Amino acid sequence: MTKILLITDKNKHDEALEKGLRLYGYDIVTTDQSRDWTLLVSNEHPCVILVDMDTPGVNGWQVIKALKTSRTTWLIPTIAISDQSVEGKLLLQAGFDSYFRKPVFLKYLLMRIDVLINNEAATYQKHSVAPTVQLTSRTERKSQTTSYCEQPSNQTTVVYIEDNPADSRAMARILQGAGYSYTNIANSLQALPQLLECKPQLIFLDLVMPMANGYELCAQIRRISAFSQTPVVIVTNNDGIVDRVHAKFVGASGFLSKPIEEHRVLRIVNKHLNSFQALQNSSIDRSFSILERLRSIKIGARSRQDFNK
């Protein structure tokens, strides 16, 4: 049974949340300011940690800092639950893998927990995910492709997973102007099936998005064999040494700092696409070498058979 640690003061909202999670088969362990949550994490080994940022006596910012600086807990997915006063970007930058506003809709929390614990395929089979509806102008819709990919067979495809229309337009202008096929995926929860449909040669991935963390999504992309060698570039406003180490750990190929600027984008595209092409050519050469070797062995065996006759 999947175990979830809920750090809360057990108010009515959190009690309802706890009951709902139990109904769906999760093993819930709760704690408040009167107990040492660090001992619970060590003893219970939860798969996911939910932190109510409004819990008296427990500083949510200190909780996430302690979790992410410990070797034994920094990989445990952690979700913040807060009111509207806390900016979501700050929660993600602090290290939370996701966040929810009060009151929490159980359906979406369950969906998010599945994404964090299981692979993406299991998540889409278990829950029906409604796409995020965005009100955009006709020009914005023209530059965004969120449900399918259309590109000429001889064109290199670049995907940008980004929910910000302005950044998507900037990336589209640069890449399409350079002759690349460009696709934007605005809904991070639907990124994996759309990537499998597009089969891009390069992926740009925004670090901070609602409902998803760029690090986590990058790790999920790397678990798909089709994308094990595909360059994945993290796009962010914050590219300190800690962020770079974290990105390398989950398999990212590089970093692109915002704002989106043409010379930096094209430099990264040229660098990673050339490396990717060289890797593919090397793999093809090895395949041909193996085939030629097998062919020569087969011909040699046939010649010996003819000689014996």
C-alpha atoms as a PDB file:
ATOM      1  CA  MET A   1       0.000   0.000   0.000  1.00  0.00           C
ATOM      2  CA  THR A   2       1.296   3.470  -0.937  1.00  0.00           C
ATOM      3  CA  LYS A   3       2.172   5.501   2.142  1.00  0.00           C
ATOM      4  CA  ILE A   4       1.684   9.284   2.311  1.00  0.00           C
ATOM      5  CA  LEU A   5       2.927  11.544   5.092  1.00  0.00           C
ATOM      6  CA  LEU A   6       0.588  14.487   5.736  1.00  0.00           C
ATOM      7  CA  ILE A   7       2.182  17.314   7.754  1.00  0.00           C
ATOM      8  CA  THR A   8      -0.811  19.289   9.015  1.00  0.00           C
ATOM      9  CA  ASP A   9      -2.542  20.756  12.056  1.00  0.00           C
ATOM     10  CA  LYS A  10      -5.572  18.503  11.419  1.00  0.00           C
ATOM     11  CA  ASN A  11      -8.091  21.233  10.655  1.00  0.00           C
ATOM     12  CA  LYS A  12     -11.407  20.395   8.989  1.00  0.00           C
ATOM     13  CA  HIS A  13      -9.994  20.801   5.495  1.00  0.00           C
ATOM     14  CA  ASP A  14      -7.042  18.494   6.157  1.00  0.00           C
ATOM     15  CA  GLU A  15      -9.192  15.915   7.926  1.00  0.00           C
ATOM     16  CA  ALA A  16     -11.464  15.734   4.875  1.00  0.00           C
ATOM     17  CA  LEU A  17      -8.387  15.410   2.668  1.00  0.00           C
ATOM     18  CA  GLU A  18      -7.031  12.593   4.826  1.00  0.00           C
ATOM     19  CA  LYS A  19     -10.349  10.710   4.705  1.00  0.00           C
ATOM     20  CA  GLY A  20     -10.537  11.092   0.929  1.00  0.00           C
ATOM     21  CA  LEU A  21      -7.020   9.707   0.427  1.00  0.00           C
ATOM     22  CA  ARG A  22      -7.778   6.757   2.694  1.00  0.00           C
ATOM     23  CA  LEU A  23     -10.906   5.971   0.664  1.00  0.00           C
ATOM     24  CA  TYR A  24      -8.709   5.603  -2.420  1.00  0.00           C
ATOM     25  CA  GLY A  25      -6.504   3.058  -0.676  1.00  0.00           C
ATOM     26  CA  TYR A  26      -3.574   5.192   0.494  1.00  0.00           C
ATOM     27  CA  ASP A  27      -1.929   4.573   3.866  1.00  0.00           C
ATOM     28  CA  ILE A  28      -1.910   8.012   5.547  1.00  0.00           C
ATOM     29  CA  VAL A  29       0.470   8.991   8.325  1.00  0.00           C
ATOM     30  CA  THR A  30      -0.233  12.404   9.875  1.00  0.00           C
ATOM     31  CA  THR A  31       1.812  14.661  12.115  1.00  0.00           C
ATOM     32  CA  ASP A  32       1.513  18.171  13.541  1.00  0.00           C
ATOM     33  CA  GLN A  33       3.658  20.655  15.426  1.00  0.00           C
ATOM     34  CA  SER A  34       3.707  18.445  18.547  1.00  0.00           C
ATOM     35  CA  ARG A  35       5.569  15.599  16.816  1.00  0.00           C
ATOM     36  CA  ASP A  36       8.938  15.301  15.120  1.00  0.00           C
ATOM     37  CA  TRP A  37       8.152  14.902  11.427  1.00  0.00           C
ATOM     38  CA  THR A  38      11.817  14.156  10.619  1.00  0.00           C
ATOM     39  CA  LEU A  39      11.640  10.951  12.661  1.00  0.00           C
ATOM     40  CA  LEU A  40       8.427   9.968  10.908  1.00  0.00           C
ATOM     41  CA  VAL A  41      10.046  10.355   7.503  1.00  0.00           C
ATOM     42  CA  SER A  42      12.947   8.145   8.580  1.00  0.00           C
ATOM     43  CA  ASN A  43      10.750   5.503  10.212  1.00  0.00           C
ATOM     44  CA  GLU A  44       7.759   5.391   7.852  1.00  0.00           C
ATOM     45  CA  HIS A  45       9.529   5.853   4.481  1.00  0.00           C
ATOM     46  CA  PRO A  46       6.600   7.605   2.752  1.00  0.00           C
ATOM     47  CA  CYS A  47       6.279   7.617  -1.032  1.00  0.00           C
ATOM     48  CA  VAL A  48       4.883  11.170  -1.046  1.00  0.00           C
ATOM     49  CA  ILE A  49       4.872  14.006   1.518  1.00  0.00           C
ATOM     50  CA  LEU A  50       2.066  16.596   1.686  1.00  0.00           C
ATOM     51  CA  VAL A  51       2.947  19.787   3.584  1.00  0.00           C
ATOM     52  CA  ASP A  52       0.252  22.209   4.733  1.00  0.00           C
ATOM     53  CA  MET A  53       2.095  25.545   4.593  1.00  0.00           C
ATOM     54  CA  ASP A  54      -0.313  27.029   7.179  1.00  0.00           C
ATOM     55  CA  THR A  55       0.407  24.480   9.913  1.00  0.00           C
ATOM     56  CA  PRO A  56       1.238  26.331  13.183  1.00  0.00           C
ATOM     57  CA  GLY A  57       4.625  25.446  14.608  1.00  0.00           C
ATOM     58  CA  VAL A  58       5.845  23.910  11.342  1.00  0.00           C
ATOM     59  CA  ASN A  59       7.629  26.130   8.825  1.00  0.00           C
ATOM     60  CA  GLY A  60       6.955  24.667   5.387  1.00  0.00           C
ATOM     61  CA  TRP A  61       9.998  26.403   3.930  1.00  0.00           C
ATOM     62  CA  GLN A  62      12.242  24.788   6.539  1.00  0.00           C
ATOM     63  CA  VAL A  63      10.582  21.422   5.940  1.00  0.00           C
ATOM     64  CA  ILE A  64      11.331  21.424   2.208  1.00  0.00           C
ATOM     65  CA  LYS A  65      14.862  22.710   2.790  1.00  0.00           C
ATOM     66  CA  ALA A  66      15.555  19.891   5.245  1.00  0.00           C
ATOM     67  CA  LEU A  67      14.059  17.289   2.904  1.00  0.00           C
ATOM     68  CA  LYS A  68      15.978  18.417  -0.161  1.00  0.00           C
ATOM     69  CA  THR A  69      19.335  18.727   1.600  1.00  0.00           C
ATOM     70  CA  SER A  70      19.227  15.217   3.077  1.00  0.00           C
ATOM     71  CA  ARG A  71      20.577  12.319   1.020  1.00  0.00           C
ATOM     72  CA  THR A  72      17.892   9.988   2.335  1.00  0.00           C
ATOM     73  CA  THR A  73      14.882  12.220   1.624  1.00  0.00           C
ATOM     74  CA  TRP A  74      15.681  14.609  -1.223  1.00  0.00           C
ATOM     75  CA  LEU A  75      14.156  12.311  -3.863  1.00  0.00           C
ATOM     76  CA  ILE A  76      10.830  11.886  -2.011  1.00  0.00           C
ATOM     77  CA  PRO A  77       8.127  13.784  -3.992  1.00  0.00           C
ATOM     78  CA  THR A  78       6.778  16.631  -1.871  1.00  0.00           C
ATOM     79  CA  ILE A  79       3.569  18.598  -2.487  1.00  0.00           C
ATOM     80  CA  ALA A  80       2.783  21.958  -0.858  1.00  0.00           C
ATOM     81  CA  ILE A  81      -0.772  22.893   0.142  1.00  0.00           C
ATOM     82  CA  SER A  82      -1.234  26.622   0.605  1.00  0.00           C
ATOM     83  CA  ASP A  83      -3.583  29.539   0.204  1.00  0.00           C
ATOM     84  CA  GLN A  84      -3.384  32.218  -2.497  1.00  0.00           C
ATOM     85  CA  SER A  85      -0.931  34.353  -0.503  1.00  0.00           C
ATOM     86  CA  VAL A  86       2.062  32.194  -1.463  1.00  0.00           C
ATOM     87  CA  GLU A  87       3.317  32.486  -5.043  1.00  0.00           C
ATOM     88  CA  GLY A  88       3.480  29.119  -6.783  1.00  0.00           C
ATOM     89  CA  LYS A  89       6.792  29.887  -8.465  1.00  0.00           C
ATOM     90  CA  LEU A  90       8.425  30.357  -5.061  1.00  0.00           C
ATOM     91  CA  LEU A  91       7.143  26.976  -3.894  1.00  0.00           C
ATOM     92  CA  LEU A  92       8.599  25.200  -6.939  1.00  0.00           C
ATOM     93  CA  GLN A  93      11.887  27.059  -6.684  1.00  0.00           C
ATOM     94  CA  ALA A  94      12.116  26.063  -3.012  1.00  0.00           C
ATOM     95  CA  GLY A  95      12.054  22.419  -4.088  1.00  0.00           C
ATOM     96  CA  PHE A  96       8.416  21.330  -3.901  1.00  0.00           C
ATOM     97  CA  ASP A  97       7.524  19.007  -6.772  1.00  0.00           C
ATOM     98  CA  SER A  98       4.025  20.469  -7.017  1.00  0.00           C
ATOM     99  CA  TYR A  99       1.547  22.634  -5.115  1.00  0.00           C
ATOM    100  CA  PHE A 100      -2.214  22.953  -4.622  1.00  0.00           C
ATOM    101  CA  ARG A 101      -4.388  25.840  -3.496  1.00  0.00           C
ATOM    102  CA  LYS A 102      -7.015  25.417  -0.802  1.00  0.00           C
ATOM    103  CA  PRO A 103      -9.545  23.949  -1.055  1.00  0.00           C
ATOM    104  CA  VAL A 104      -7.827  21.018  -2.736  1.00  0.00           C
ATOM    105  CA  PHE A 105      -9.821  19.105  -5.341  1.00  0.00           C
ATOM    106  CA  LEU A 106      -9.191  15.458  -4.516  1.00  0.00           C
ATOM    107  CA  LYS A 107      -9.452  14.296  -8.141  1.00  0.00           C
ATOM    108  CA  TYR A 108      -6.541  16.455  -9.262  1.00  0.00           C
ATOM    109  CA  LEU A 109      -4.472  15.652  -6.181  1.00  0.00           C
ATOM    110  CA  LEU A 110      -4.908  11.928  -6.835  1.00  0.00           C
ATOM    111  CA  MET A 111      -3.891  12.436 -10.430  1.00  0.00           C
ATOM    112  CA  ARG A 112      -0.801  14.351  -9.346  1.00  0.00           C
ATOM    113  CA  ILE A 113       0.192  11.735  -6.771  1.00  0.00           C
ATOM    114  CA  ASP A 114      -0.055   9.050  -9.455  1.00  0.00           C
ATOM    115  CA  VAL A 115       2.221  11.068 -11.726  1.00  0.00           C
ATOM    116  CA  LEU A 116       4.774  11.411  -8.944  1.00  0.00           C
ATOM    117  CA  ILE A 117       4.697   7.771  -7.865  1.00  0.00           C
ATOM    118  CA  ASN A 118       3.957   5.777 -10.988  1.00  0.00           C
ATOM    119  CA  ASN A 119       4.975   6.078 -14.608  1.00  0.00           C
ATOM    120  CA  GLU A 120       3.029   8.339 -16.930  1.00  0.00           C
ATOM    121  CA  ALA A 121       1.325   5.516 -18.829  1.00  0.00           C
ATOM    122  CA  ALA A 122      -0.283   4.145 -15.673  1.00  0.00           C
ATOM    123  CA  THR A 123      -1.511   7.604 -14.807  1.00  0.00           C
ATOM    124  CA  TYR A 124      -3.334   8.092 -18.104  1.00  0.00           C
ATOM    125  CA  GLN A 125      -4.936   4.662 -17.888  1.00  0.00           C
ATOM    126  CA  LYS A 126      -6.207   5.240 -14.360  1.00  0.00           C
ATOM    127  CA  HIS A 127      -7.481   8.813 -14.674  1.00  0.00           C
ATOM    128  CA  SER A 128      -9.017  10.821 -17.469  1.00  0.00           C
ATOM    129  CA  VAL A 129      -7.001  13.997 -17.800  1.00  0.00           C
ATOM    130  CA  ALA A 130      -8.779  17.042 -19.135  1.00  0.00           C
ATOM    131  CA  PRO A 131      -6.521  19.369 -21.141  1.00  0.00           C
ATOM    132  CA  THR A 132      -5.846  22.816 -19.782  1.00  0.00           C
ATOM    133  CA  VAL A 133      -8.012  25.361 -21.590  1.00  0.00           C
ATOM    134  CA  GLN A 134      -6.214  28.606 -22.338  1.00  0.00           C
ATOM    135  CA  LEU A 135      -7.854  31.753 -23.663  1.00  0.00           C
ATOM    136  CA  THR A 136      -5.505  32.959 -26.370  1.00  0.00           C
ATOM    137  CA  SER A 137      -5.714  35.182 -29.390  1.00  0.00           C
ATOM    138  CA  ARG A 138      -5.774  33.830 -32.928  1.00  0.00           C
ATOM    139  CA  THR A 139      -2.086  34.727 -33.324  1.00  0.00           C
ATOM    140  CA  GLU A 140      -1.188  32.844 -30.138  1.00  0.00           C
ATOM    141  CA  ARG A 141      -3.171  29.777 -31.198  1.00  0.00           C
ATOM    142  CA  LYS A 142      -1.374  29.767 -34.516  1.00  0.00           C
ATOM    143  CA  SER A 143       2.022  29.527 -32.807  1.00  0.00           C
ATOM    144  CA  GLN A 144       0.915  26.815 -30.356  1.00  0.00           C
ATOM    145  CA  THR A 145       0.343  23.132 -31.114  1.00  0.00           C
ATOM    146  CA  THR A 146      -0.828  21.306 -28.015  1.00  0.00           C
ATOM    147  CA  SER A 147      -2.647  18.238 -29.277  1.00  0.00           C
ATOM    148  CA  TYR A 148      -0.768  16.944 -32.303  1.00  0.00           C
ATOM    149  CA  CYS A 149       2.405  17.377 -34.353  1.00  0.00           C
ATOM    150  CA  GLU A 150       2.642  18.202 -38.019  1.00  0.00           C
ATOM    151  CA  GLN A 151       6.035  18.435 -39.677  1.00  0.00           C
ATOM    152  CA  PRO A 152       7.608  17.540 -43.009  1.00  0.00           C
ATOM    153  CA  SER A 153       9.470  14.241 -42.866  1.00  0.00           C
ATOM    154  CA  ASN A 154      12.764  15.931 -43.805  1.00  0.00           C
ATOM    155  CA  GLN A 155      12.555  18.629 -41.121  1.00  0.00           C
ATOM    156  CA  THR A 156      14.125  18.540 -37.681  1.00  0.00           C
ATOM    157  CA  THR A 157      11.472  18.826 -34.969  1.00  0.00           C
ATOM    158  CA  VAL A 158      12.038  20.828 -31.789  1.00  0.00           C
ATOM    159  CA  VAL A 159       9.505  20.744 -28.936  1.00  0.00           C
ATOM    160  CA  TYR A 160       9.179  23.355 -26.186  1.00  0.00           C
ATOM    161  CA  ILE A 161       7.204  22.293 -23.089  1.00  0.00           C
ATOM    162  CA  GLU A 162       6.069  25.695 -21.824  1.00  0.00           C
ATOM    163  CA  ASP A 163       2.772  27.092 -20.524  1.00  0.00           C
ATOM    164  CA  ASN A 164       3.700  30.747 -21.112  1.00  0.00           C
ATOM    165  CA  PRO A 165       2.337  31.892 -24.536  1.00  0.00           C
ATOM    166  CA  ALA A 166       4.819  34.780 -24.812  1.00  0.00           C
ATOM    167  CA  ASP A 167       7.850  32.515 -24.350  1.00  0.00           C
ATOM    168  CA  SER A 168       6.353  29.984 -26.757  1.00  0.00           C
ATOM    169  CA  ARG A 169       5.887  32.660 -29.423  1.00  0.00           C
ATOM    170  CA  ALA A 170       9.468  33.848 -28.962  1.00  0.00           C
ATOM    171  CA  MET A 171      10.818  30.311 -29.343  1.00  0.00           C
ATOM    172  CA  ALA A 172       8.580  29.639 -32.366  1.00  0.00           C
ATOM    173  CA  ARG A 173       9.795  32.782 -34.130  1.00  0.00           C
ATOM    174  CA  ILE A 174      13.460  31.836 -33.617  1.00  0.00           C
ATOM    175  CA  LEU A 175      13.224  28.157 -34.534  1.00  0.00           C
ATOM    176  CA  GLN A 176      10.819  28.462 -37.443  1.00  0.00           C
ATOM    177  CA  GLY A 177      12.911  31.325 -38.789  1.00  0.00           C
ATOM    178  CA  ALA A 178      15.930  29.002 -38.715  1.00  0.00           C
ATOM    179  CA  GLY A 179      14.044  26.323 -40.664  1.00  0.00           C
ATOM    180  CA  TYR A 180      13.105  23.960 -37.861  1.00  0.00           C
ATOM    181  CA  SER A 181       9.696  22.421 -37.253  1.00  0.00           C
ATOM    182  CA  TYR A 182       8.418  23.770 -33.925  1.00  0.00           C
ATOM    183  CA  THR A 183       5.802  22.376 -31.539  1.00  0.00           C
ATOM    184  CA  ASN A 184       4.680  23.801 -28.201  1.00  0.00           C
ATOM    185  CA  ILE A 185       3.221  21.579 -25.475  1.00  0.00           C
ATOM    186  CA  ALA A 186       1.416  23.802 -22.973  1.00  0.00           C
ATOM    187  CA  ASN A 187      -0.056  21.102 -20.718  1.00  0.00           C
ATOM    188  CA  SER A 188       2.768  19.383 -18.854  1.00  0.00           C
ATOM    189  CA  LEU A 189       0.501  16.530 -17.729  1.00  0.00           C
ATOM    190  CA  GLN A 190       0.004  15.541 -21.370  1.00  0.00           C
ATOM    191  CA  ALA A 191       3.642  16.042 -22.387  1.00  0.00           C
ATOM    192  CA  LEU A 192       4.737  12.399 -22.600  1.00  0.00           C
ATOM    193  CA  PRO A 193       2.058  11.077 -24.988  1.00  0.00           C
ATOM    194  CA  GLN A 194       2.495  14.144 -27.209  1.00  0.00           C
ATOM    195  CA  LEU A 195       6.279  13.683 -27.247  1.00  0.00           C
ATOM    196  CA  LEU A 196       5.800  10.080 -28.328  1.00  0.00           C
ATOM    197  CA  GLU A 197       3.613  11.344 -31.159  1.00  0.00           C
ATOM    198  CA  CYS A 198       6.012  14.105 -32.242  1.00  0.00           C
ATOM    199  CA  LYS A 199       9.296  12.177 -31.810  1.00  0.00           C
ATOM    200  CA  PRO A 200      11.358  15.405 -31.607  1.00  0.00           C
ATOM    201  CA  GLN A 201      15.109  15.578 -32.086  1.00  0.00           C
ATOM    202  CA  LEU A 202      15.447  18.229 -29.340  1.00  0.00           C
ATOM    203  CA  ILE A 203      13.305  19.112 -26.305  1.00  0.00           C
ATOM    204  CA  PHE A 204      13.260  22.440 -24.453  1.00  0.00           C
ATOM    205  CA  LEU A 205      11.665  22.074 -21.018  1.00  0.00           C
ATOM    206  CA  ASP A 206      10.552  24.951 -18.785  1.00  0.00           C
ATOM    207  CA  LEU A 207      11.549  24.386 -15.157  1.00  0.00           C
ATOM    208  CA  VAL A 208       8.564  26.047 -13.453  1.00  0.00           C
ATOM    209  CA  MET A 209       5.077  25.053 -14.587  1.00  0.00           C
ATOM    210  CA  PRO A 210       1.764  24.527 -12.796  1.00  0.00           C
ATOM    211  CA  MET A 211       1.094  20.898 -11.827  1.00  0.00           C
ATOM    212  CA  ALA A 212       4.630  19.803 -12.776  1.00  0.00           C
ATOM    213  CA  ASN A 213       8.286  20.279 -11.963  1.00  0.00           C
ATOM    214  CA  GLY A 214      10.714  20.387 -14.869  1.00  0.00           C
ATOM    215  CA  TYR A 215      13.196  18.138 -13.060  1.00  0.00           C
ATOM    216  CA  GLU A 216      10.590  15.458 -12.471  1.00  0.00           C
ATOM    217  CA  LEU A 217       9.309  15.650 -16.049  1.00  0.00           C
ATOM    218  CA  CYS A 218      12.870  15.379 -17.379  1.00  0.00           C
ATOM    219  CA  ALA A 219      13.409  12.220 -15.313  1.00  0.00           C
ATOM    220  CA  GLN A 220      10.177  10.759 -16.718  1.00  0.00           C
ATOM    221  CA  ILE A 221      11.275  11.561 -20.280  1.00  0.00           C
ATOM    222  CA  ARG A 222      14.595   9.787 -19.687  1.00  0.00           C
ATOM    223  CA  ARG A 223      12.784   6.641 -18.526  1.00  0.00           C
ATOM    224  CA  ILE A 224      11.318   6.286 -22.041  1.00  0.00           C
ATOM    225  CA  SER A 225      13.769   4.362 -24.221  1.00  0.00           C
ATOM    226  CA  ALA A 226      12.859   6.396 -27.310  1.00  0.00           C
ATOM    227  CA  PHE A 227      14.158   9.552 -25.594  1.00  0.00           C
ATOM    228  CA  SER A 228      17.125   8.126 -23.706  1.00  0.00           C
ATOM    229  CA  GLN A 229      19.555   9.972 -26.011  1.00  0.00           C
ATOM    230  CA  THR A 230      17.362  12.912 -27.084  1.00  0.00           C
ATOM    231  CA  PRO A 231      18.806  16.255 -25.888  1.00  0.00           C
ATOM    232  CA  VAL A 232      16.640  17.825 -23.155  1.00  0.00           C
ATOM    233  CA  VAL A 233      17.462  21.453 -22.318  1.00  0.00           C
ATOM    234  CA  ILE A 234      16.089  23.010 -19.113  1.00  0.00           C
ATOM    235  CA  VAL A 235      14.799  26.588 -19.562  1.00  0.00           C
ATOM    236  CA  THR A 236      14.787  28.679 -16.396  1.00  0.00           C
ATOM    237  CA  ASN A 237      15.297  32.055 -14.747  1.00  0.00           C
ATOM    238  CA  ASN A 238      17.501  30.449 -12.108  1.00  0.00           C
ATOM    239  CA  ASP A 239      20.592  28.537 -13.277  1.00  0.00           C
ATOM    240  CA  GLY A 240      22.765  28.376 -10.168  1.00  0.00           C
ATOM    241  CA  ILE A 241      25.156  25.529  -9.403  1.00  0.00           C
ATOM    242  CA  VAL A 242      22.558  23.638  -7.338  1.00  0.00           C
ATOM    243  CA  ASP A 243      20.083  23.792 -10.219  1.00  0.00           C
ATOM    244  CA  ARG A 244      22.705  22.572 -12.691  1.00  0.00           C
ATOM    245  CA  VAL A 245      23.677  19.631 -10.473  1.00  0.00           C
ATOM    246  CA  HIS A 246      20.007  18.699 -10.000  1.00  0.00           C
ATOM    247  CA  ALA A 247      19.398  18.974 -13.753  1.00  0.00           C
ATOM    248  CA  LYS A 248      22.386  16.748 -14.539  1.00  0.00           C
ATOM    249  CA  PHE A 249      21.180  14.182 -11.998  1.00  0.00           C
ATOM    250  CA  VAL A 250      17.787  13.800 -13.740  1.00  0.00           C
ATOM    251  CA  GLY A 251      19.416  13.552 -17.171  1.00  0.00           C
ATOM    252  CA  ALA A 252      19.167  17.074 -18.607  1.00  0.00           C
ATOM    253  CA  SER A 253      21.567  17.852 -21.453  1.00  0.00           C
ATOM    254  CA  GLY A 254      21.955  21.566 -20.765  1.00  0.00           C
ATOM    255  CA  PHE A 255      20.536  24.887 -19.583  1.00  0.00           C
ATOM    256  CA  LEU A 256      18.998  27.896 -21.326  1.00  0.00           C
ATOM    257  CA  SER A 257      18.549  31.060 -19.286  1.00  0.00           C
ATOM    258  CA  LYS A 258      15.565  33.334 -19.806  1.00  0.00           C
ATOM    259  CA  PRO A 259      14.728  35.657 -21.498  1.00  0.00           C
ATOM    260  CA  ILE A 260      14.513  33.709 -24.768  1.00  0.00           C
ATOM    261  CA  GLU A 261      17.132  35.233 -27.087  1.00  0.00           C
ATOM    262  CA  GLU A 262      17.920  34.148 -30.628  1.00  0.00           C
ATOM    263  CA  HIS A 263      21.704  33.812 -30.447  1.00  0.00           C
ATOM    264  CA  ARG A 264      21.594  31.683 -27.290  1.00  0.00           C
ATOM    265  CA  VAL A 265      18.786  29.447 -28.568  1.00  0.00           C
ATOM    266  CA  LEU A 266      20.490  28.767 -31.905  1.00  0.00           C
ATOM    267  CA  ARG A 267      23.851  28.146 -30.249  1.00  0.00           C
ATOM    268  CA  ILE A 268      22.297  25.494 -28.005  1.00  0.00           C
ATOM    269  CA  VAL A 269      20.289  23.982 -30.878  1.00  0.00           C
ATOM    270  CA  ASN A 270      23.376  23.669 -33.076  1.00  0.00           C
ATOM    271  CA  LYS A 271      25.444  22.211 -30.249  1.00  0.00           C
ATOM    272  CA  HIS A 272      22.986  19.528 -29.174  1.00  0.00           C
ATOM    273  CA  LEU A 273      21.592  18.600 -32.586  1.00  0.00           C
ATOM    274  CA  ASN A 274      25.110  18.098 -33.949  1.00  0.00           C
ATOM    275  CA  SER A 275      25.971  15.867 -30.968  1.00  0.00           C
ATOM    276  CA  PHE A 276      22.701  13.961 -31.333  1.00  0.00           C
ATOM    277  CA  GLN A 277      23.271  13.420 -35.054  1.00  0.00           C
ATOM    278  CA  ALA A 278      26.832  12.240 -34.427  1.00  0.00           C
ATOM    279  CA  LEU A 279      25.545   9.768 -31.832  1.00  0.00           C
ATOM    280  CA  GLN A 280      22.912   8.457 -34.238  1.00  0.00           C
ATOM    281  CA  ASN A 281      25.484   8.113 -37.046  1.00  0.00           C
ATOM    282  CA  SER A 282      27.809   6.238 -34.701  1.00  0.00           C
ATOM    283  CA  SER A 283      24.982   3.867 -33.779  1.00  0.00           C
ATOM    284  CA  ILE A 284      24.148   3.321 -37.452  1.00  0.00           C
ATOM    285  CA  ASP A 285      27.819   2.655 -38.269  1.00  0.00           C
ATOM    286  CA  ARG A 286      28.015   0.077 -35.490  1.00  0.00           C
ATOM    287  CA  SER A 287      24.847  -1.597 -36.777  1.00  0.00           C
ATOM    288  CA  PHE A 288      26.245  -1.785 -40.311  1.00  0.00           C
ATOM    289  CA  SER A 289      29.537  -3.123 -38.983  1.00  0.00           C
ATOM    290  CA  ILE A 290      27.732  -5.905 -37.116  1.00  0.00           C
ATOM    291  CA  LEU A 291      25.623  -6.734 -40.180  1.00  0.00           C
ATOM    292  CA  GLU A 292      28.719  -6.867 -42.409  1.00  0.00           C
ATOM    293  CA  ARG A 293      30.470  -9.121 -39.921  1.00  0.00           C
ATOM    294  CA  LEU A 294      27.477 -11.472 -39.781  1.00  0.00           C
ATOM    295  CA  ARG A 295      27.264 -11.416 -43.556  1.00  0.00           C
ATOM    296  CA  SER A 296      30.944 -12.341 -43.932  1.00  0.00           C
ATOM    297  CA  ILE A 297      30.551 -15.168 -41.428  1.00  0.00           C
ATOM    298  CA  LYS A 298      27.524 -16.442 -43.348  1.00  0.00           C
ATOM    299  CA  ILE A 299      29.363 -16.245 -46.683  1.00  0.00           C
ATOM    300  CA  GLY A 300      32.378 -18.006 -45.195  1.00  0.00           C
ATOM    301  CA  ALA A 301      30.203 -20.827 -43.863  1.00  0.00           C
ATOM    302  CA  ARG A 302      28.510 -21.207 -47.247  1.00  0.00           C
ATOM    303  CA  SER A 303      31.897 -21.337 -49.007  1.00  0.00           C
ATOM    304  CA  ARG A 304      33.089 -24.100 -46.692  1.00  0.00           C
ATOM    305  CA  GLN A 305      29.899 -26.051 -47.390  1.00  0.00           C
ATOM    306  CA  ASP A 306      30.441 -25.711 -51.155  1.00  0.00           C
ATOM    307  CA  PHE A 307      34.088 -26.786 -50.783  1.00  0.00           C
ATOM    308  CA  ASN A 308      33.110 -29.873 -48.797  1.00  0.00           C
ATOM    309  CA  LYS A 309      30.685 -30.889 -51.532  1.00  0.00           C
END
